[in-house]
Amino acid sequence: TPVAFFLLFVLLLSIHILLALCRRRWAFRRTELITIFFMMMVASAIPTKGVTSLLLPMISGVAYYATPENEWGALIQPFLPHWLLVEEPLAVRQFYEGSSRPDIPWGAWLSPLLFWLLFYAGFYLTLTCVMVVVRRQWVEHERLPYPLAQAALAMLEEGDGGGLVRPFFKKWTMWA
């Protein structure tokens, strides 16, 4: 989510102001900005520290770092499901060391990535279902604030004067 906060920050100080300078009604409304922010949060969770930065080394690292000294080939690899890992030596070596050849051995990566895609799809579906189940209790009865959303809501707060720059960006404490 740091990426989403940064992109919202840049959006509010650049594109939003430029659109408003061209024509006032072209500027984003608050609801549109909230939608954009939450879409950025979801979209940035997958390619950053949420999934991809951990997944690719995880499914190929055991094969790459297995040496005769650490005996991973005999101690660990027999107990791991082969269909979840990339084990083709050329594909693993090219991933970690690079290659001068332009061809990528996609066949070695396709099966493990499809299985992990199914897992993550089910995982995100489960998380979404749990959020739907507990949302009503949290929001309507306990009135719990969502701390992660408070910074974005402060950035999106509209001022009384109707200026182009939001009040959040006019505070010296924010810039400090």
Protein backbone atom coordinates (compact mmCIF):
# COMPACT_ATOMS: atom_id res chain seq x y z
CA THR A 1 0.00 0.00 0.00
CA PRO A 2 2.85 2.55 0.23
CA VAL A 3 2.74 2.62 -3.57
CA ALA A 4 -0.97 3.46 -3.51
CA PHE A 5 -0.44 6.29 -1.01
CA PHE A 6 2.40 7.71 -3.09
CA LEU A 7 0.38 7.52 -6.31
CA LEU A 8 -2.60 9.21 -4.64
CA PHE A 9 -0.25 11.93 -3.37
CA VAL A 10 1.13 12.49 -6.89
CA LEU A 11 -2.33 12.31 -8.46
CA LEU A 12 -3.72 14.98 -6.12
CA LEU A 13 -0.77 17.34 -6.65
CA SER A 14 -0.50 16.95 -10.42
CA ILE A 15 -3.22 15.47 -12.65
CA HIS A 16 -6.11 16.52 -10.41
CA ILE A 17 -4.92 20.15 -10.31
CA LEU A 18 -4.13 20.22 -14.04
CA LEU A 19 -7.60 18.92 -14.91
CA ALA A 20 -9.19 21.52 -12.61
CA LEU A 21 -7.13 24.31 -14.18
CA CYS A 22 -8.27 23.28 -17.67
CA ARG A 23 -11.90 23.00 -16.71
CA ARG A 24 -13.19 22.93 -13.13
CA ARG A 25 -15.70 20.12 -13.71
CA TRP A 26 -12.96 17.88 -15.16
CA ALA A 27 -11.37 17.58 -11.73
CA PHE A 28 -11.97 14.31 -9.93
CA ARG A 29 -14.82 14.17 -7.43
CA ARG A 30 -14.15 12.77 -3.96
CA THR A 31 -15.94 9.50 -4.70
CA GLU A 32 -13.88 9.02 -7.84
CA LEU A 33 -10.67 9.65 -5.93
CA ILE A 34 -11.66 7.14 -3.24
CA THR A 35 -12.40 4.56 -5.93
CA ILE A 36 -9.07 5.25 -7.64
CA PHE A 37 -7.21 4.92 -4.33
CA PHE A 38 -8.76 1.59 -3.39
CA MET A 39 -8.19 0.23 -6.88
CA MET A 40 -4.53 1.25 -6.55
CA MET A 41 -4.34 -0.48 -3.16
CA VAL A 42 -5.63 -3.74 -4.58
CA ALA A 43 -3.55 -3.50 -7.75
CA SER A 44 -0.31 -2.68 -5.90
CA ALA A 45 -0.68 -5.53 -3.40
CA ILE A 46 -0.20 -8.22 -6.03
CA PRO A 47 2.99 -7.18 -7.88
CA THR A 48 4.79 -5.78 -4.84
CA LYS A 49 5.53 -7.32 -1.46
CA GLY A 50 2.10 -8.91 -1.36
CA VAL A 51 2.62 -11.74 -3.81
CA THR A 52 5.01 -11.62 -6.74
CA SER A 53 8.20 -10.50 -5.00
CA LEU A 54 7.91 -13.53 -2.71
CA LEU A 55 6.34 -16.07 -5.03
CA LEU A 56 8.91 -16.29 -7.84
CA PRO A 57 11.94 -16.84 -5.55
CA MET A 58 9.89 -19.20 -3.39
CA ILE A 59 8.98 -21.56 -6.25
CA SER A 60 12.48 -21.57 -7.75
CA GLY A 61 14.83 -20.99 -4.82
CA VAL A 62 14.97 -24.54 -3.50
CA ALA A 63 16.29 -25.83 -6.82
CA TYR A 64 18.76 -22.97 -7.24
CA TYR A 65 20.22 -22.95 -3.75
CA ALA A 66 20.44 -26.74 -3.36
CA THR A 67 24.11 -27.70 -3.13
CA PRO A 68 25.95 -30.86 -2.13
CA GLU A 69 27.00 -29.09 1.09
CA ASN A 70 23.52 -28.23 2.36
CA GLU A 71 21.97 -31.46 0.98
CA TRP A 72 18.66 -29.81 0.14
CA GLY A 73 18.29 -32.17 -2.81
CA ALA A 74 18.08 -35.13 -0.43
CA LEU A 75 16.66 -33.52 2.71
CA ILE A 76 14.04 -31.08 1.44
CA GLN A 77 13.18 -31.54 -2.22
CA PRO A 78 11.70 -35.06 -1.93
CA PHE A 79 9.04 -33.70 0.47
CA LEU A 80 7.97 -30.76 -1.70
CA PRO A 81 5.24 -31.20 -4.32
CA HIS A 82 6.90 -31.08 -7.73
CA TRP A 83 3.88 -29.52 -9.41
CA LEU A 84 4.22 -26.37 -7.23
CA LEU A 85 7.90 -25.68 -7.96
CA VAL A 86 10.08 -24.83 -10.93
CA GLU A 87 12.72 -27.53 -11.03
CA GLU A 88 14.10 -27.35 -14.57
CA PRO A 89 17.78 -26.37 -14.04
CA LEU A 90 18.02 -24.13 -17.13
CA ALA A 91 14.89 -22.14 -16.23
CA VAL A 92 15.99 -21.69 -12.62
CA ARG A 93 19.53 -20.67 -13.57
CA GLN A 94 18.25 -18.18 -16.14
CA PHE A 95 15.92 -16.64 -13.55
CA TYR A 96 18.70 -15.98 -11.05
CA GLU A 97 21.68 -15.38 -13.32
CA GLY A 98 20.08 -14.03 -16.47
CA SER A 99 20.74 -15.22 -19.98
CA SER A 100 22.13 -13.86 -23.20
CA ARG A 101 19.46 -15.83 -25.09
CA PRO A 102 16.13 -14.09 -25.62
CA ASP A 103 14.02 -17.23 -25.22
CA ILE A 104 12.44 -17.96 -21.85
CA PRO A 105 11.56 -21.55 -20.95
CA TRP A 106 7.89 -20.77 -20.28
CA GLY A 107 6.98 -24.45 -20.12
CA ALA A 108 8.88 -24.87 -16.85
CA TRP A 109 7.09 -21.89 -15.27
CA LEU A 110 3.56 -22.38 -16.63
CA SER A 111 2.33 -25.26 -14.46
CA PRO A 112 3.59 -23.93 -11.08
CA LEU A 113 2.35 -20.41 -11.79
CA LEU A 114 -1.11 -21.67 -12.75
CA PHE A 115 -1.41 -23.68 -9.55
CA TRP A 116 -0.25 -20.71 -7.46
CA LEU A 117 -2.68 -18.47 -9.36
CA LEU A 118 -5.52 -20.77 -8.34
CA PHE A 119 -4.33 -20.72 -4.73
CA TYR A 120 -4.10 -16.91 -4.59
CA ALA A 121 -7.47 -16.51 -6.32
CA GLY A 122 -9.05 -18.72 -3.65
CA PHE A 123 -7.13 -16.91 -0.92
CA TYR A 124 -8.30 -13.47 -2.06
CA LEU A 125 -11.85 -14.76 -2.48
CA THR A 126 -11.75 -16.09 1.09
CA LEU A 127 -10.42 -12.77 2.42
CA THR A 128 -13.14 -10.89 0.57
CA CYS A 129 -15.83 -13.19 2.00
CA VAL A 130 -14.49 -12.73 5.54
CA MET A 131 -14.51 -8.95 5.04
CA VAL A 132 -18.13 -9.08 3.90
CA VAL A 133 -19.09 -11.15 6.96
CA VAL A 134 -17.41 -8.90 9.56
CA ARG A 135 -17.91 -5.51 7.86
CA ARG A 136 -21.43 -4.87 9.12
CA GLN A 137 -20.52 -5.57 12.76
CA TRP A 138 -17.37 -3.45 12.58
CA VAL A 139 -18.77 -0.50 10.65
CA GLU A 140 -22.37 -0.22 11.83
CA HIS A 141 -22.35 -1.55 15.39
CA GLU A 142 -18.83 -1.05 16.74
CA ARG A 143 -18.01 1.90 14.45
CA LEU A 144 -14.37 0.93 14.17
CA PRO A 145 -12.23 3.21 12.01
CA TYR A 146 -9.98 1.65 9.40
CA PRO A 147 -6.54 3.07 10.32
CA LEU A 148 -5.07 2.35 6.90
CA ALA A 149 -7.75 4.45 5.25
CA GLN A 150 -7.39 7.47 7.57
CA ALA A 151 -4.35 8.95 5.77
CA ALA A 152 -6.04 8.67 2.38
CA LEU A 153 -9.27 10.17 3.72
CA ALA A 154 -7.27 13.07 5.17
CA MET A 155 -5.67 13.65 1.74
CA LEU A 156 -9.10 13.59 0.10
CA GLU A 157 -10.76 15.96 2.56
CA GLU A 158 -12.25 18.96 0.77
CA GLY A 159 -11.77 22.47 2.08
CA ASP A 160 -14.36 25.19 2.62
CA GLY A 161 -12.93 27.63 0.05
CA GLY A 162 -13.11 25.21 -2.84
CA GLY A 163 -9.45 25.68 -3.77
CA LEU A 164 -7.57 23.36 -6.06
CA VAL A 165 -5.11 22.20 -3.41
CA ARG A 166 -6.63 20.10 -0.63
CA PRO A 167 -6.29 21.30 3.01
CA PHE A 168 -4.07 18.31 3.81
CA PHE A 169 -1.35 19.70 1.54
CA LYS A 170 -1.61 23.19 3.04
CA LYS A 171 -0.60 22.06 6.54
CA TRP A 172 3.01 22.68 7.46
CA THR A 173 2.96 19.65 9.79
CA MET A 174 2.34 17.35 6.84
CA TRP A 175 5.31 18.76 4.95
CA ALA A 176 7.49 18.59 8.07
